C-alpha cells in the first residue's frame, strides 16, 4: 500500500478529499482522531503545534483548539461533531473561530466526513470536506491546506511508526 497523502480538489462539487493509508491498526488511528492529547501531537504542521482549549467528543460536542506558532501566535479552530459511528466515521463541521469558539463566517466553513477503513496493512482514512462555494475551496487551498494536511499526516505516520500512539 502506498502511504502517501492524496488531496483531490473538485470545484464543481465544492469539495476537497484527502486520503491516506496509515501503518497502524484501526483502533489506534481512531484514537489519534478522537483524543485531544493525541490530536495535539500531529494536527498542526511543525514547527506549529495544536493546543486544546476544550474537547467533547460526542454528537453535539466539539473540539476547540488553537494552532500555535513558535512565537505563540494563535489561530483558533473548531470541529463540531455532527454524527459519530465508532471506529467507522465521524461527520463534522470544521470552521475557524475565536478563542471562545465563536465561528468566523468570513473564513471558509466546511461540513464533511472522516471515514476509517481497516486494510491488510493498517488503516485507510478518507477525509472529505464540502464548502458552500467554489471560492471557499480556492481560499482554503490558497491558505496552504494541502501542504498543511500532508505535513500533519506525515507527522501522524511517524508517531505510529515510533509506537508513540
Protein backbone atom coordinates (compact mmCIF):
# COMPACT_ATOMS: atom_id res chain seq x y z
CA UNK A 1 0.00 0.00 0.00
CA UNK A 2 1.32 3.43 -0.94
CA UNK A 3 1.35 5.53 2.22
CA UNK A 4 1.12 8.90 0.51
CA UNK A 5 -1.35 11.66 1.24
CA UNK A 6 -3.60 12.29 -1.77
CA UNK A 7 -5.50 15.58 -2.00
CA UNK A 8 -8.21 15.94 -4.67
CA UNK A 9 -9.94 19.29 -5.22
CA UNK A 10 -13.28 19.25 -7.03
CA UNK A 11 -14.53 22.77 -7.73
CA UNK A 12 -17.79 21.55 -9.33
CA UNK A 13 -18.59 19.58 -6.19
CA UNK A 14 -17.06 22.34 -3.99
CA UNK A 15 -15.08 19.70 -2.13
CA UNK A 16 -11.63 18.66 -1.03
CA UNK A 17 -10.94 14.95 -0.46
CA UNK A 18 -7.85 13.80 1.42
CA UNK A 19 -6.92 10.14 1.68
CA UNK A 20 -4.03 8.43 3.40
CA UNK A 21 -3.18 4.87 4.38
CA UNK A 22 -1.54 4.57 7.79
CA UNK A 23 0.55 1.64 9.01
CA UNK A 24 -1.40 1.32 12.24
CA UNK A 25 -4.44 -0.67 13.36
CA UNK A 26 -7.85 0.96 13.09
CA UNK A 27 -8.23 1.37 16.87
CA UNK A 28 -5.01 3.42 17.11
CA UNK A 29 -5.91 5.62 14.15
CA UNK A 30 -9.38 6.21 15.63
CA UNK A 31 -7.81 7.25 18.96
CA UNK A 32 -5.46 9.66 17.13
CA UNK A 33 -8.54 11.49 15.76
CA UNK A 34 -10.73 11.35 18.87
CA UNK A 35 -8.47 12.05 21.87
CA UNK A 36 -7.24 15.62 22.31
CA UNK A 37 -3.89 14.59 23.84
CA UNK A 38 -3.15 12.61 20.68
CA UNK A 39 -4.57 15.19 18.23
CA UNK A 40 -2.22 17.75 19.78
CA UNK A 41 0.77 15.62 18.72
CA UNK A 42 0.02 15.83 14.99
CA UNK A 43 -2.81 18.19 13.99
CA UNK A 44 -0.56 21.22 13.32
CA UNK A 45 2.32 21.23 10.83
CA UNK A 46 5.68 21.66 12.59
CA UNK A 47 7.01 23.96 13.94
CA UNK A 48 3.42 24.89 14.88
CA UNK A 49 1.53 22.84 17.46
CA UNK A 50 -2.10 22.21 18.28
CA UNK A 51 -3.33 23.20 21.73
CA UNK A 52 -6.73 22.09 23.02
CA UNK A 53 -8.90 24.53 24.94
CA UNK A 54 -11.78 22.06 25.26
CA UNK A 55 -12.99 18.85 23.67
CA UNK A 56 -16.26 17.00 24.00
CA UNK A 57 -16.15 14.05 21.59
CA UNK A 58 -19.84 13.25 21.31
CA UNK A 59 -22.65 14.16 18.93
CA UNK A 60 -23.34 17.86 19.50
CA UNK A 61 -19.92 18.38 21.08
CA UNK A 62 -16.84 19.96 19.57
CA UNK A 63 -13.08 20.31 19.76
CA UNK A 64 -11.92 23.91 20.32
CA UNK A 65 -8.23 24.29 19.64
CA UNK A 66 -5.53 26.71 18.58
CA UNK A 67 -2.77 26.30 16.05
CA UNK A 68 0.14 27.86 17.93
CA UNK A 69 3.24 29.26 16.22
CA UNK A 70 6.74 29.11 17.74
CA UNK A 71 6.20 32.83 18.61
CA UNK A 72 2.95 31.87 20.42
CA UNK A 73 0.68 33.35 17.72
CA UNK A 74 -2.66 31.52 17.88
CA UNK A 75 -5.15 30.69 15.12
CA UNK A 76 -8.32 29.17 16.54
CA UNK A 77 -10.32 26.32 15.04
CA UNK A 78 -13.47 24.46 15.92
CA UNK A 79 -14.51 20.98 14.84
CA UNK A 80 -18.15 20.19 15.62
CA UNK A 81 -19.20 16.55 15.83
CA UNK A 82 -22.45 16.02 13.92
CA UNK A 83 -22.54 12.20 13.88
CA UNK A 84 -20.21 9.50 15.19
CA UNK A 85 -20.10 5.82 14.17
CA UNK A 86 -17.37 4.38 16.45
CA UNK A 87 -14.35 3.00 14.55
CA UNK A 88 -16.09 3.82 11.23
CA UNK A 89 -16.75 7.51 10.64
CA UNK A 90 -17.16 10.99 12.06
CA UNK A 91 -19.38 13.64 10.45
CA UNK A 92 -18.02 17.10 11.20
CA UNK A 93 -18.38 20.82 10.65
CA UNK A 94 -14.95 22.47 10.52
CA UNK A 95 -14.51 26.20 11.00
CA UNK A 96 -12.21 28.98 12.08
CA UNK A 97 -13.26 30.79 15.24
CA UNK A 98 -12.14 32.98 18.12
CA UNK A 99 -10.79 31.65 21.40
CA UNK A 100 -14.33 31.34 22.77
CA UNK A 101 -15.46 29.16 19.85
CA UNK A 102 -17.47 31.84 18.02
CA UNK A 103 -17.30 30.89 14.34
CA UNK A 104 -15.65 33.34 11.94
CA UNK A 105 -18.01 33.27 8.95
CA UNK A 106 -15.62 35.47 6.92
CA UNK A 107 -13.42 32.37 6.52
CA UNK A 108 -14.42 29.06 4.87
CA UNK A 109 -16.64 26.69 6.86
CA UNK A 110 -16.94 23.08 5.70
CA UNK A 111 -19.05 20.07 6.50
CA UNK A 112 -17.73 16.66 5.85
CA UNK A 113 -16.76 13.23 6.95
CA UNK A 114 -13.75 11.29 8.13
CA UNK A 115 -14.09 7.60 7.20
CA UNK A 116 -11.84 4.89 8.65
CA UNK A 117 -11.37 1.55 6.84
CA UNK A 118 -9.30 -1.37 8.08
CA UNK A 119 -6.84 -2.67 5.47
CA UNK A 120 -4.43 -5.63 5.31
CA UNK A 121 -1.53 -3.45 6.46
CA UNK A 122 -3.22 -0.77 8.54
CA UNK A 123 -5.98 1.79 8.13
CA UNK A 124 -7.20 3.95 5.27
CA UNK A 125 -8.55 7.38 6.24
CA UNK A 126 -10.64 9.40 3.80
CA UNK A 127 -11.37 12.95 4.92
CA UNK A 128 -13.81 14.81 2.66
CA UNK A 129 -14.91 18.39 3.20
CA UNK A 130 -17.62 20.24 1.28
CA UNK A 131 -17.81 24.04 1.12
CA UNK A 132 -20.67 26.34 0.13
CA UNK A 133 -18.85 27.97 -2.78
CA UNK A 134 -16.00 27.27 -5.20
CA UNK A 135 -14.35 30.43 -3.85
CA UNK A 136 -14.19 28.85 -0.36
CA UNK A 137 -12.38 25.81 -1.83
CA UNK A 138 -9.93 28.13 -3.59
CA UNK A 139 -9.43 30.16 -0.37
CA UNK A 140 -8.65 27.10 1.75
CA UNK A 141 -6.13 25.89 -0.87
CA UNK A 142 -4.52 29.36 -1.01
CA UNK A 143 -4.23 29.26 2.79
CA UNK A 144 -1.91 26.24 2.43
CA UNK A 145 -4.36 23.47 3.30
CA UNK A 146 -2.79 20.86 1.01
CA UNK A 147 0.76 21.34 2.35
CA UNK A 148 -0.53 21.58 5.93
CA UNK A 149 -2.63 18.41 5.92
CA UNK A 150 0.15 16.50 4.13
CA UNK A 151 2.65 17.56 6.82
CA UNK A 152 0.20 16.63 9.60
CA UNK A 153 -0.43 13.17 8.11
CA UNK A 154 3.35 12.60 7.81
CA UNK A 155 3.70 13.52 11.50
CA UNK A 156 0.90 11.09 12.41
CA UNK A 157 2.53 8.25 10.44
CA UNK A 158 5.85 8.98 12.21
CA UNK A 159 4.09 8.71 15.58
CA UNK A 160 2.62 5.33 14.58
CA UNK A 161 5.97 4.04 13.33
CA UNK A 162 7.66 5.12 16.55
CA UNK A 163 4.89 3.50 18.67
CA UNK A 164 4.13 6.91 20.18
CA UNK A 165 0.38 6.25 19.76
